[in-house]
Amino acid sequence: NPLQSRLEFDDNRLLVDLCGEYDRNLV
């Protein structure tokens, strides 16, 4: 899909913190 971007993070633990509890920050 051309309407999709992909980001890859080196440290999954930091990504979990970035996303927030229950992915609230992503929501």
mmCIF file of all heavy atoms, coordinates in Angstrom:
data_MODEL
# 
_entry.id   MODEL 
# 
loop_
_atom_site.group_PDB 
_atom_site.id 
_atom_site.type_symbol 
_atom_site.label_atom_id 
_atom_site.label_alt_id 
_atom_site.label_comp_id 
_atom_site.label_asym_id 
_atom_site.label_entity_id 
_atom_site.label_seq_id 
_atom_site.pdbx_PDB_ins_code 
_atom_site.Cartn_x 
_atom_site.Cartn_y 
_atom_site.Cartn_z 
_atom_site.occupancy 
_atom_site.B_iso_or_equiv 
_atom_site.pdbx_formal_charge 
_atom_site.auth_seq_id 
_atom_site.auth_comp_id 
_atom_site.auth_asym_id 
_atom_site.auth_atom_id 
_atom_site.pdbx_PDB_model_num 
ATOM 1   N N   . ASN A 1 1  ? 0.834  -1.202 0.000  1.00 0.00 ? 1  ASN A N   1 
ATOM 2   C CA  . ASN A 1 1  ? 0.000  0.000  0.000  1.00 0.00 ? 1  ASN A CA  1 
ATOM 3   C C   . ASN A 1 1  ? 0.871  1.255  0.000  1.00 0.00 ? 1  ASN A C   1 
ATOM 4   O O   . ASN A 1 1  ? 1.691  1.438  0.885  1.00 0.00 ? 1  ASN A O   1 
ATOM 5   C CB  . ASN A 1 1  ? -0.899 -0.028 1.234  1.00 0.00 ? 1  ASN A CB  1 
ATOM 6   C CG  . ASN A 1 1  ? -1.921 1.083  1.232  1.00 0.00 ? 1  ASN A CG  1 
ATOM 7   O OD1 . ASN A 1 1  ? -1.773 2.081  0.558  1.00 0.00 ? 1  ASN A OD1 1 
ATOM 8   N ND2 . ASN A 1 1  ? -2.966 0.895  1.990  1.00 0.00 ? 1  ASN A ND2 1 
ATOM 9   N N   . PRO A 1 2  ? 0.677  2.154  -0.973 1.00 0.00 ? 2  PRO A N   1 
ATOM 10  C CA  . PRO A 1 2  ? 1.482  3.377  -1.017 1.00 0.00 ? 2  PRO A CA  1 
ATOM 11  C C   . PRO A 1 2  ? 1.130  4.371  0.085  1.00 0.00 ? 2  PRO A C   1 
ATOM 12  O O   . PRO A 1 2  ? 1.836  5.339  0.280  1.00 0.00 ? 2  PRO A O   1 
ATOM 13  C CB  . PRO A 1 2  ? 1.166  3.952  -2.394 1.00 0.00 ? 2  PRO A CB  1 
ATOM 14  C CG  . PRO A 1 2  ? -0.180 3.419  -2.734 1.00 0.00 ? 2  PRO A CG  1 
ATOM 15  C CD  . PRO A 1 2  ? -0.241 2.055  -2.096 1.00 0.00 ? 2  PRO A CD  1 
ATOM 16  N N   . LEU A 1 3  ? 0.053  4.147  0.805  1.00 0.00 ? 3  LEU A N   1 
ATOM 17  C CA  . LEU A 1 3  ? -0.347 5.038  1.891  1.00 0.00 ? 3  LEU A CA  1 
ATOM 18  C C   . LEU A 1 3  ? 0.150  4.532  3.230  1.00 0.00 ? 3  LEU A C   1 
ATOM 19  O O   . LEU A 1 3  ? -0.427 4.804  4.268  1.00 0.00 ? 3  LEU A O   1 
ATOM 20  C CB  . LEU A 1 3  ? -1.873 5.200  1.921  1.00 0.00 ? 3  LEU A CB  1 
ATOM 21  C CG  . LEU A 1 3  ? -2.488 5.835  0.689  1.00 0.00 ? 3  LEU A CG  1 
ATOM 22  C CD1 . LEU A 1 3  ? -4.000 5.895  0.818  1.00 0.00 ? 3  LEU A CD1 1 
ATOM 23  C CD2 . LEU A 1 3  ? -1.916 7.226  0.451  1.00 0.00 ? 3  LEU A CD2 1 
ATOM 24  N N   . GLN A 1 4  ? 1.232  3.781  3.204  1.00 0.00 ? 4  GLN A N   1 
ATOM 25  C CA  . GLN A 1 4  ? 1.766  3.176  4.431  1.00 0.00 ? 4  GLN A CA  1 
ATOM 26  C C   . GLN A 1 4  ? 3.253  3.472  4.565  1.00 0.00 ? 4  GLN A C   1 
ATOM 27  O O   . GLN A 1 4  ? 4.007  3.367  3.611  1.00 0.00 ? 4  GLN A O   1 
ATOM 28  C CB  . GLN A 1 4  ? 1.533  1.660  4.378  1.00 0.00 ? 4  GLN A CB  1 
ATOM 29  C CG  . GLN A 1 4  ? 2.060  0.921  5.583  1.00 0.00 ? 4  GLN A CG  1 
ATOM 30  C CD  . GLN A 1 4  ? 1.663  -0.547 5.547  1.00 0.00 ? 4  GLN A CD  1 
ATOM 31  O OE1 . GLN A 1 4  ? 0.523  -0.857 5.274  1.00 0.00 ? 4  GLN A OE1 1 
ATOM 32  N NE2 . GLN A 1 4  ? 2.584  -1.427 5.803  1.00 0.00 ? 4  GLN A NE2 1 
ATOM 33  N N   . SER A 1 5  ? 3.662  3.862  5.776  1.00 0.00 ? 5  SER A N   1 
ATOM 34  C CA  . SER A 1 5  ? 5.077  4.065  6.087  1.00 0.00 ? 5  SER A CA  1 
ATOM 35  C C   . SER A 1 5  ? 5.484  3.056  7.147  1.00 0.00 ? 5  SER A C   1 
ATOM 36  O O   . SER A 1 5  ? 4.645  2.586  7.913  1.00 0.00 ? 5  SER A O   1 
ATOM 37  C CB  . SER A 1 5  ? 5.322  5.477  6.624  1.00 0.00 ? 5  SER A CB  1 
ATOM 38  O OG  . SER A 1 5  ? 4.954  6.442  5.675  1.00 0.00 ? 5  SER A OG  1 
ATOM 39  N N   . ARG A 1 6  ? 6.766  2.745  7.209  1.00 0.00 ? 6  ARG A N   1 
ATOM 40  C CA  . ARG A 1 6  ? 7.274  1.748  8.152  1.00 0.00 ? 6  ARG A CA  1 
ATOM 41  C C   . ARG A 1 6  ? 8.421  2.352  8.940  1.00 0.00 ? 6  ARG A C   1 
ATOM 42  O O   . ARG A 1 6  ? 9.351  2.906  8.359  1.00 0.00 ? 6  ARG A O   1 
ATOM 43  C CB  . ARG A 1 6  ? 7.750  0.529  7.371  1.00 0.00 ? 6  ARG A CB  1 
ATOM 44  C CG  . ARG A 1 6  ? 8.284  -0.591 8.195  1.00 0.00 ? 6  ARG A CG  1 
ATOM 45  C CD  . ARG A 1 6  ? 8.664  -1.744 7.248  1.00 0.00 ? 6  ARG A CD  1 
ATOM 46  N NE  . ARG A 1 6  ? 9.131  -2.890 7.985  1.00 0.00 ? 6  ARG A NE  1 
ATOM 47  C CZ  . ARG A 1 6  ? 10.396 -3.175 8.216  1.00 0.00 ? 6  ARG A CZ  1 
ATOM 48  N NH1 . ARG A 1 6  ? 11.340 -2.384 7.753  1.00 0.00 ? 6  ARG A NH1 1 
ATOM 49  N NH2 . ARG A 1 6  ? 10.732 -4.236 8.889  1.00 0.00 ? 6  ARG A NH2 1 
ATOM 50  N N   . LEU A 1 7  ? 8.337  2.254  10.271 1.00 0.00 ? 7  LEU A N   1 
ATOM 51  C CA  . LEU A 1 7  ? 9.418  2.702  11.142 1.00 0.00 ? 7  LEU A CA  1 
ATOM 52  C C   . LEU A 1 7  ? 9.931  1.509  11.924 1.00 0.00 ? 7  LEU A C   1 
ATOM 53  O O   . LEU A 1 7  ? 9.142  0.753  12.490 1.00 0.00 ? 7  LEU A O   1 
ATOM 54  C CB  . LEU A 1 7  ? 8.924  3.747  12.145 1.00 0.00 ? 7  LEU A CB  1 
ATOM 55  C CG  . LEU A 1 7  ? 8.518  5.109  11.624 1.00 0.00 ? 7  LEU A CG  1 
ATOM 56  C CD1 . LEU A 1 7  ? 7.976  5.953  12.762 1.00 0.00 ? 7  LEU A CD1 1 
ATOM 57  C CD2 . LEU A 1 7  ? 9.698  5.792  10.986 1.00 0.00 ? 7  LEU A CD2 1 
ATOM 58  N N   . GLU A 1 8  ? 11.238 1.343  11.961 1.00 0.00 ? 8  GLU A N   1 
ATOM 59  C CA  . GLU A 1 8  ? 11.841 0.249  12.728 1.00 0.00 ? 8  GLU A CA  1 
ATOM 60  C C   . GLU A 1 8  ? 12.690 0.850  13.845 1.00 0.00 ? 8  GLU A C   1 
ATOM 61  O O   . GLU A 1 8  ? 13.472 1.768  13.614 1.00 0.00 ? 8  GLU A O   1 
ATOM 62  C CB  . GLU A 1 8  ? 12.696 -0.630 11.825 1.00 0.00 ? 8  GLU A CB  1 
ATOM 63  C CG  . GLU A 1 8  ? 13.205 -1.864 12.527 1.00 0.00 ? 8  GLU A CG  1 
ATOM 64  C CD  . GLU A 1 8  ? 13.844 -2.862 11.572 1.00 0.00 ? 8  GLU A CD  1 
ATOM 65  O OE1 . GLU A 1 8  ? 13.702 -2.701 10.348 1.00 0.00 ? 8  GLU A OE1 1 
ATOM 66  O OE2 . GLU A 1 8  ? 14.472 -3.804 12.059 1.00 0.00 ? 8  GLU A OE2 1 
ATOM 67  N N   . PHE A 1 9  ? 12.515 0.334  15.051 1.00 0.00 ? 9  PHE A N   1 
ATOM 68  C CA  . PHE A 1 9  ? 13.231 0.820  16.219 1.00 0.00 ? 9  PHE A CA  1 
ATOM 69  C C   . PHE A 1 9  ? 14.232 -0.234 16.675 1.00 0.00 ? 9  PHE A C   1 
ATOM 70  O O   . PHE A 1 9  ? 13.907 -1.422 16.714 1.00 0.00 ? 9  PHE A O   1 
ATOM 71  C CB  . PHE A 1 9  ? 12.245 1.136  17.351 1.00 0.00 ? 9  PHE A CB  1 
ATOM 72  C CG  . PHE A 1 9  ? 11.356 2.301  17.042 1.00 0.00 ? 9  PHE A CG  1 
ATOM 73  C CD1 . PHE A 1 9  ? 10.228 2.145  16.244 1.00 0.00 ? 9  PHE A CD1 1 
ATOM 74  C CD2 . PHE A 1 9  ? 11.657 3.555  17.528 1.00 0.00 ? 9  PHE A CD2 1 
ATOM 75  C CE1 . PHE A 1 9  ? 9.414  3.219  15.945 1.00 0.00 ? 9  PHE A CE1 1 
ATOM 76  C CE2 . PHE A 1 9  ? 10.840 4.645  17.236 1.00 0.00 ? 9  PHE A CE2 1 
ATOM 77  C CZ  . PHE A 1 9  ? 9.711  4.470  16.441 1.00 0.00 ? 9  PHE A CZ  1 
ATOM 78  N N   . ASP A 1 10 ? 15.438 0.206  17.033 1.00 0.00 ? 10 ASP A N   1 
ATOM 79  C CA  . ASP A 1 10 ? 16.491 -0.716 17.442 1.00 0.00 ? 10 ASP A CA  1 
ATOM 80  C C   . ASP A 1 10 ? 16.225 -1.336 18.811 1.00 0.00 ? 10 ASP A C   1 
ATOM 81  O O   . ASP A 1 10 ? 16.563 -2.488 19.043 1.00 0.00 ? 10 ASP A O   1 
ATOM 82  C CB  . ASP A 1 10 ? 17.847 -0.003 17.472 1.00 0.00 ? 10 ASP A CB  1 
ATOM 83  C CG  . ASP A 1 10 ? 18.314 0.396  16.081 1.00 0.00 ? 10 ASP A CG  1 
ATOM 84  O OD1 . ASP A 1 10 ? 17.924 -0.279 15.107 1.00 0.00 ? 10 ASP A OD1 1 
ATOM 85  O OD2 . ASP A 1 10 ? 19.050 1.384  15.974 1.00 0.00 ? 10 ASP A OD2 1 
ATOM 86  N N   . ASP A 1 11 ? 15.638 -0.569 19.710 1.00 0.00 ? 11 ASP A N   1 
ATOM 87  C CA  . ASP A 1 11 ? 15.435 -1.041 21.082 1.00 0.00 ? 11 ASP A CA  1 
ATOM 88  C C   . ASP A 1 11 ? 13.943 -1.196 21.361 1.00 0.00 ? 11 ASP A C   1 
ATOM 89  O O   . ASP A 1 11 ? 13.228 -0.209 21.557 1.00 0.00 ? 11 ASP A O   1 
ATOM 90  C CB  . ASP A 1 11 ? 16.066 -0.054 22.069 1.00 0.00 ? 11 ASP A CB  1 
ATOM 91  C CG  . ASP A 1 11 ? 16.109 -0.588 23.488 1.00 0.00 ? 11 ASP A CG  1 
ATOM 92  O OD1 . ASP A 1 11 ? 15.315 -1.500 23.827 1.00 0.00 ? 11 ASP A OD1 1 
ATOM 93  O OD2 . ASP A 1 11 ? 16.939 -0.087 24.268 1.00 0.00 ? 11 ASP A OD2 1 
ATOM 94  N N   . ASN A 1 12 ? 13.475 -2.439 21.378 1.00 0.00 ? 12 ASN A N   1 
ATOM 95  C CA  . ASN A 1 12 ? 12.057 -2.714 21.581 1.00 0.00 ? 12 ASN A CA  1 
ATOM 96  C C   . ASN A 1 12 ? 11.577 -2.235 22.951 1.00 0.00 ? 12 ASN A C   1 
ATOM 97  O O   . ASN A 1 12 ? 10.432 -1.826 23.107 1.00 0.00 ? 12 ASN A O   1 
ATOM 98  C CB  . ASN A 1 12 ? 11.768 -4.203 21.394 1.00 0.00 ? 12 ASN A CB  1 
ATOM 99  C CG  . ASN A 1 12 ? 10.291 -4.484 21.235 1.00 0.00 ? 12 ASN A CG  1 
ATOM 100 O OD1 . ASN A 1 12 ? 9.577  -3.709 20.608 1.00 0.00 ? 12 ASN A OD1 1 
ATOM 101 N ND2 . ASN A 1 12 ? 9.832  -5.578 21.800 1.00 0.00 ? 12 ASN A ND2 1 
ATOM 102 N N   . ARG A 1 13 ? 12.456 -2.261 23.957 1.00 0.00 ? 13 ARG A N   1 
ATOM 103 C CA  . ARG A 1 13 ? 12.057 -1.804 25.299 1.00 0.00 ? 13 ARG A CA  1 
ATOM 104 C C   . ARG A 1 13 ? 11.728 -0.317 25.302 1.00 0.00 ? 13 ARG A C   1 
ATOM 105 O O   . ARG A 1 13 ? 10.776 0.112  25.957 1.00 0.00 ? 13 ARG A O   1 
ATOM 106 C CB  . ARG A 1 13 ? 13.151 -2.107 26.316 1.00 0.00 ? 13 ARG A CB  1 
ATOM 107 C CG  . ARG A 1 13 ? 13.299 -3.611 26.592 1.00 0.00 ? 13 ARG A CG  1 
ATOM 108 C CD  . ARG A 1 13 ? 14.457 -3.862 27.484 1.00 0.00 ? 13 ARG A CD  1 
ATOM 109 N NE  . ARG A 1 13 ? 15.666 -3.469 26.743 1.00 0.00 ? 13 ARG A NE  1 
ATOM 110 C CZ  . ARG A 1 13 ? 16.889 -3.558 27.195 1.00 0.00 ? 13 ARG A CZ  1 
ATOM 111 N NH1 . ARG A 1 13 ? 17.111 -3.997 28.399 1.00 0.00 ? 13 ARG A NH1 1 
ATOM 112 N NH2 . ARG A 1 13 ? 17.920 -3.203 26.460 1.00 0.00 ? 13 ARG A NH2 1 
ATOM 113 N N   . LEU A 1 14 ? 12.492 0.471  24.567 1.00 0.00 ? 14 LEU A N   1 
ATOM 114 C CA  . LEU A 1 14 ? 12.199 1.900  24.469 1.00 0.00 ? 14 LEU A CA  1 
ATOM 115 C C   . LEU A 1 14 ? 10.910 2.140  23.681 1.00 0.00 ? 14 LEU A C   1 
ATOM 116 O O   . LEU A 1 14 ? 10.152 3.062  23.991 1.00 0.00 ? 14 LEU A O   1 
ATOM 117 C CB  . LEU A 1 14 ? 13.362 2.652  23.827 1.00 0.00 ? 14 LEU A CB  1 
ATOM 118 C CG  . LEU A 1 14 ? 14.654 2.696  24.639 1.00 0.00 ? 14 LEU A CG  1 
ATOM 119 C CD1 . LEU A 1 14 ? 15.739 3.420  23.859 1.00 0.00 ? 14 LEU A CD1 1 
ATOM 120 C CD2 . LEU A 1 14 ? 14.433 3.353  25.985 1.00 0.00 ? 14 LEU A CD2 1 
ATOM 121 N N   . LEU A 1 15 ? 10.673 1.308  22.682 1.00 0.00 ? 15 LEU A N   1 
ATOM 122 C CA  . LEU A 1 15 ? 9.445  1.432  21.901 1.00 0.00 ? 15 LEU A CA  1 
ATOM 123 C C   . LEU A 1 15 ? 8.223  1.172  22.775 1.00 0.00 ? 15 LEU A C   1 
ATOM 124 O O   . LEU A 1 15 ? 7.217  1.865  22.655 1.00 0.00 ? 15 LEU A O   1 
ATOM 125 C CB  . LEU A 1 15 ? 9.469  0.476  20.704 1.00 0.00 ? 15 LEU A CB  1 
ATOM 126 C CG  . LEU A 1 15 ? 8.220  0.495  19.823 1.00 0.00 ? 15 LEU A CG  1 
ATOM 127 C CD1 . LEU A 1 15 ? 7.966  1.886  19.246 1.00 0.00 ? 15 LEU A CD1 1 
ATOM 128 C CD2 . LEU A 1 15 ? 8.348  -0.535 18.715 1.00 0.00 ? 15 LEU A CD2 1 
ATOM 129 N N   . VAL A 1 16 ? 8.316  0.211  23.663 1.00 0.00 ? 16 VAL A N   1 
ATOM 130 C CA  . VAL A 1 16 ? 7.210  -0.079 24.580 1.00 0.00 ? 16 VAL A CA  1 
ATOM 131 C C   . VAL A 1 16 ? 6.904  1.150  25.415 1.00 0.00 ? 16 VAL A C   1 
ATOM 132 O O   . VAL A 1 16 ? 5.730  1.524  25.600 1.00 0.00 ? 16 VAL A O   1 
ATOM 133 C CB  . VAL A 1 16 ? 7.540  -1.305 25.465 1.00 0.00 ? 16 VAL A CB  1 
ATOM 134 C CG1 . VAL A 1 16 ? 6.532  -1.455 26.591 1.00 0.00 ? 16 VAL A CG1 1 
ATOM 135 C CG2 . VAL A 1 16 ? 7.593  -2.569 24.624 1.00 0.00 ? 16 VAL A CG2 1 
ATOM 136 N N   . ASP A 1 17 ? 7.936  1.818  25.921 1.00 0.00 ? 17 ASP A N   1 
ATOM 137 C CA  . ASP A 1 17 ? 7.738  3.045  26.697 1.00 0.00 ? 17 ASP A CA  1 
ATOM 138 C C   . ASP A 1 17 ? 7.135  4.153  25.831 1.00 0.00 ? 17 ASP A C   1 
ATOM 139 O O   . ASP A 1 17 ? 6.266  4.905  26.279 1.00 0.00 ? 17 ASP A O   1 
ATOM 140 C CB  . ASP A 1 17 ? 9.051  3.529  27.306 1.00 0.00 ? 17 ASP A CB  1 
ATOM 141 C CG  . ASP A 1 17 ? 9.556  2.620  28.414 1.00 0.00 ? 17 ASP A CG  1 
ATOM 142 O OD1 . ASP A 1 17 ? 8.748  1.864  28.988 1.00 0.00 ? 17 ASP A OD1 1 
ATOM 143 O OD2 . ASP A 1 17 ? 10.771 2.670  28.705 1.00 0.00 ? 17 ASP A OD2 1 
ATOM 144 N N   . LEU A 1 18 ? 7.597  4.273  24.593 1.00 0.00 ? 18 LEU A N   1 
ATOM 145 C CA  . LEU A 1 18 ? 7.088  5.283  23.675 1.00 0.00 ? 18 LEU A CA  1 
ATOM 146 C C   . LEU A 1 18 ? 5.595  5.070  23.398 1.00 0.00 ? 18 LEU A C   1 
ATOM 147 O O   . LEU A 1 18 ? 4.824  6.029  23.381 1.00 0.00 ? 18 LEU A O   1 
ATOM 148 C CB  . LEU A 1 18 ? 7.870  5.246  22.359 1.00 0.00 ? 18 LEU A CB  1 
ATOM 149 C CG  . LEU A 1 18 ? 7.393  6.170  21.248 1.00 0.00 ? 18 LEU A CG  1 
ATOM 150 C CD1 . LEU A 1 18 ? 7.660  7.625  21.616 1.00 0.00 ? 18 LEU A CD1 1 
ATOM 151 C CD2 . LEU A 1 18 ? 8.076  5.824  19.944 1.00 0.00 ? 18 LEU A CD2 1 
ATOM 152 N N   . CYS A 1 19 ? 5.201  3.834  23.223 1.00 0.00 ? 19 CYS A N   1 
ATOM 153 C CA  . CYS A 1 19 ? 3.802  3.515  22.899 1.00 0.00 ? 19 CYS A CA  1 
ATOM 154 C C   . CYS A 1 19 ? 2.873  3.762  24.082 1.00 0.00 ? 19 CYS A C   1 
ATOM 155 O O   . CYS A 1 19 ? 1.703  4.084  23.895 1.00 0.00 ? 19 CYS A O   1 
ATOM 156 C CB  . CYS A 1 19 ? 3.681  2.068  22.437 1.00 0.00 ? 19 CYS A CB  1 
ATOM 157 S SG  . CYS A 1 19 ? 4.520  1.778  20.867 1.00 0.00 ? 19 CYS A SG  1 
ATOM 158 N N   . GLY A 1 20 ? 3.385  3.611  25.279 1.00 0.00 ? 20 GLY A N   1 
ATOM 159 C CA  . GLY A 1 20 ? 2.581  3.833  26.475 1.00 0.00 ? 20 GLY A CA  1 
ATOM 160 C C   . GLY A 1 20 ? 1.807  2.596  26.890 1.00 0.00 ? 20 GLY A C   1 
ATOM 161 O O   . GLY A 1 20 ? 1.713  1.614  26.153 1.00 0.00 ? 20 GLY A O   1 
ATOM 162 N N   . GLU A 1 21 ? 1.246  2.678  28.083 1.00 0.00 ? 21 GLU A N   1 
ATOM 163 C CA  . GLU A 1 21 ? 0.458  1.572  28.619 1.00 0.00 ? 21 GLU A CA  1 
ATOM 164 C C   . GLU A 1 21 ? -0.759 1.337  27.715 1.00 0.00 ? 21 GLU A C   1 
ATOM 165 O O   . GLU A 1 21 ? -1.485 2.274  27.370 1.00 0.00 ? 21 GLU A O   1 
ATOM 166 C CB  . GLU A 1 21 ? 0.013  1.907  30.033 1.00 0.00 ? 21 GLU A CB  1 
ATOM 167 C CG  . GLU A 1 21 ? -0.696 0.770  30.726 1.00 0.00 ? 21 GLU A CG  1 
ATOM 168 C CD  . GLU A 1 21 ? -1.054 1.101  32.162 1.00 0.00 ? 21 GLU A CD  1 
ATOM 169 O OE1 . GLU A 1 21 ? -1.039 2.285  32.542 1.00 0.00 ? 21 GLU A OE1 1 
ATOM 170 O OE2 . GLU A 1 21 ? -1.353 0.167  32.898 1.00 0.00 ? 21 GLU A OE2 1 
ATOM 171 N N   . TYR A 1 22 ? -0.955 0.087  27.324 1.00 0.00 ? 22 TYR A N   1 
ATOM 172 C CA  . TYR A 1 22 ? -2.048 -0.307 26.416 1.00 0.00 ? 22 TYR A CA  1 
ATOM 173 C C   . TYR A 1 22 ? -2.018 0.486  25.106 1.00 0.00 ? 22 TYR A C   1 
ATOM 174 O O   . TYR A 1 22 ? -3.069 0.741  24.510 1.00 0.00 ? 22 TYR A O   1 
ATOM 175 C CB  . TYR A 1 22 ? -3.407 -0.159 27.104 1.00 0.00 ? 22 TYR A CB  1 
ATOM 176 C CG  . TYR A 1 22 ? -3.537 -0.961 28.363 1.00 0.00 ? 22 TYR A CG  1 
ATOM 177 C CD1 . TYR A 1 22 ? -3.560 -0.340 29.603 1.00 0.00 ? 22 TYR A CD1 1 
ATOM 178 C CD2 . TYR A 1 22 ? -3.603 -2.351 28.318 1.00 0.00 ? 22 TYR A CD2 1 
ATOM 179 C CE1 . TYR A 1 22 ? -3.665 -1.075 30.776 1.00 0.00 ? 22 TYR A CE1 1 
ATOM 180 C CE2 . TYR A 1 22 ? -3.703 -3.104 29.479 1.00 0.00 ? 22 TYR A CE2 1 
ATOM 181 C CZ  . TYR A 1 22 ? -3.732 -2.457 30.707 1.00 0.00 ? 22 TYR A CZ  1 
ATOM 182 O OH  . TYR A 1 22 ? -3.831 -3.197 31.857 1.00 0.00 ? 22 TYR A OH  1 
ATOM 183 N N   . ASP A 1 23 ? -0.847 0.885  24.668 1.00 0.00 ? 23 ASP A N   1 
ATOM 184 C CA  . ASP A 1 23 ? -0.647 1.653  23.426 1.00 0.00 ? 23 ASP A CA  1 
ATOM 185 C C   . ASP A 1 23 ? -1.422 2.965  23.426 1.00 0.00 ? 23 ASP A C   1 
ATOM 186 O O   . ASP A 1 23 ? -1.792 3.487  22.378 1.00 0.00 ? 23 ASP A O   1 
ATOM 187 C CB  . ASP A 1 23 ? -1.017 0.817  22.202 1.00 0.00 ? 23 ASP A CB  1 
ATOM 188 C CG  . ASP A 1 23 ? -0.028 -0.286 21.924 1.00 0.00 ? 23 ASP A CG  1 
ATOM 189 O OD1 . ASP A 1 23 ? 1.124  -0.225 22.381 1.00 0.00 ? 23 ASP A OD1 1 
ATOM 190 O OD2 . ASP A 1 23 ? -0.412 -1.236 21.231 1.00 0.00 ? 23 ASP A OD2 1 
ATOM 191 N N   . ARG A 1 24 ? -1.632 3.540  24.593 1.00 0.00 ? 24 ARG A N   1 
ATOM 192 C CA  . ARG A 1 24 ? -2.410 4.779  24.701 1.00 0.00 ? 24 ARG A CA  1 
ATOM 193 C C   . ARG A 1 24 ? -1.800 5.922  23.909 1.00 0.00 ? 24 ARG A C   1 
ATOM 194 O O   . ARG A 1 24 ? -2.518 6.747  23.337 1.00 0.00 ? 24 ARG A O   1 
ATOM 195 C CB  . ARG A 1 24 ? -2.557 5.191  26.162 1.00 0.00 ? 24 ARG A CB  1 
ATOM 196 C CG  . ARG A 1 24 ? -3.540 4.340  26.896 1.00 0.00 ? 24 ARG A CG  1 
ATOM 197 C CD  . ARG A 1 24 ? -3.723 4.819  28.314 1.00 0.00 ? 24 ARG A CD  1 
ATOM 198 N NE  . ARG A 1 24 ? -4.669 3.929  28.980 1.00 0.00 ? 24 ARG A NE  1 
ATOM 199 C CZ  . ARG A 1 24 ? -4.678 3.697  30.267 1.00 0.00 ? 24 ARG A CZ  1 
ATOM 200 N NH1 . ARG A 1 24 ? -3.794 4.287  31.052 1.00 0.00 ? 24 ARG A NH1 1 
ATOM 201 N NH2 . ARG A 1 24 ? -5.561 2.885  30.793 1.00 0.00 ? 24 ARG A NH2 1 
ATOM 202 N N   . ASN A 1 25 ? -0.477 6.009  23.872 1.00 0.00 ? 25 ASN A N   1 
ATOM 203 C CA  . ASN A 1 25 ? 0.165  7.095  23.125 1.00 0.00 ? 25 ASN A CA  1 
ATOM 204 C C   . ASN A 1 25 ? -0.052 6.938  21.623 1.00 0.00 ? 25 ASN A C   1 
ATOM 205 O O   . ASN A 1 25 ? -0.215 7.923  20.907 1.00 0.00 ? 25 ASN A O   1 
ATOM 206 C CB  . ASN A 1 25 ? 1.650  7.164  23.446 1.00 0.00 ? 25 ASN A CB  1 
ATOM 207 C CG  . ASN A 1 25 ? 1.908  7.505  24.895 1.00 0.00 ? 25 ASN A CG  1 
ATOM 208 O OD1 . ASN A 1 25 ? 1.057  8.061  25.579 1.00 0.00 ? 25 ASN A OD1 1 
ATOM 209 N ND2 . ASN A 1 25 ? 3.086  7.155  25.384 1.00 0.00 ? 25 ASN A ND2 1 
ATOM 210 N N   . LEU A 1 26 ? -0.077 5.696  21.145 1.00 0.00 ? 26 LEU A N   1 
ATOM 211 C CA  . LEU A 1 26 ? -0.355 5.461  19.722 1.00 0.00 ? 26 LEU A CA  1 
ATOM 212 C C   . LEU A 1 26 ? -1.792 5.825  19.390 1.00 0.00 ? 26 LEU A C   1 
ATOM 213 O O   . LEU A 1 26 ? -2.072 6.416  18.347 1.00 0.00 ? 26 LEU A O   1 
ATOM 214 C CB  . LEU A 1 26 ? -0.088 3.998  19.353 1.00 0.00 ? 26 LEU A CB  1 
ATOM 215 C CG  . LEU A 1 26 ? 1.362  3.522  19.447 1.00 0.00 ? 26 LEU A CG  1 
ATOM 216 C CD1 . LEU A 1 26 ? 1.466  2.075  18.994 1.00 0.00 ? 26 LEU A CD1 1 
ATOM 217 C CD2 . LEU A 1 26 ? 2.297  4.408  18.655 1.00 0.00 ? 26 LEU A CD2 1 
ATOM 218 N N   . VAL A 1 27 ? -2.712 5.468  20.276 1.00 0.00 ? 27 VAL A N   1 
ATOM 219 C CA  . VAL A 1 27 ? -4.126 5.785  20.059 1.00 0.00 ? 27 VAL A CA  1 
ATOM 220 C C   . VAL A 1 27 ? -4.319 7.300  19.997 1.00 0.00 ? 27 VAL A C   1 
ATOM 221 O O   . VAL A 1 27 ? -5.027 7.806  19.125 1.00 0.00 ? 27 VAL A O   1 
ATOM 222 C CB  . VAL A 1 27 ? -5.008 5.153  21.159 1.00 0.00 ? 27 VAL A CB  1 
ATOM 223 C CG1 . VAL A 1 27 ? -6.444 5.634  21.055 1.00 0.00 ? 27 VAL A CG1 1 
ATOM 224 C CG2 . VAL A 1 27 ? -4.953 3.631  21.068 1.00 0.00 ? 27 VAL A CG2 1 
# 
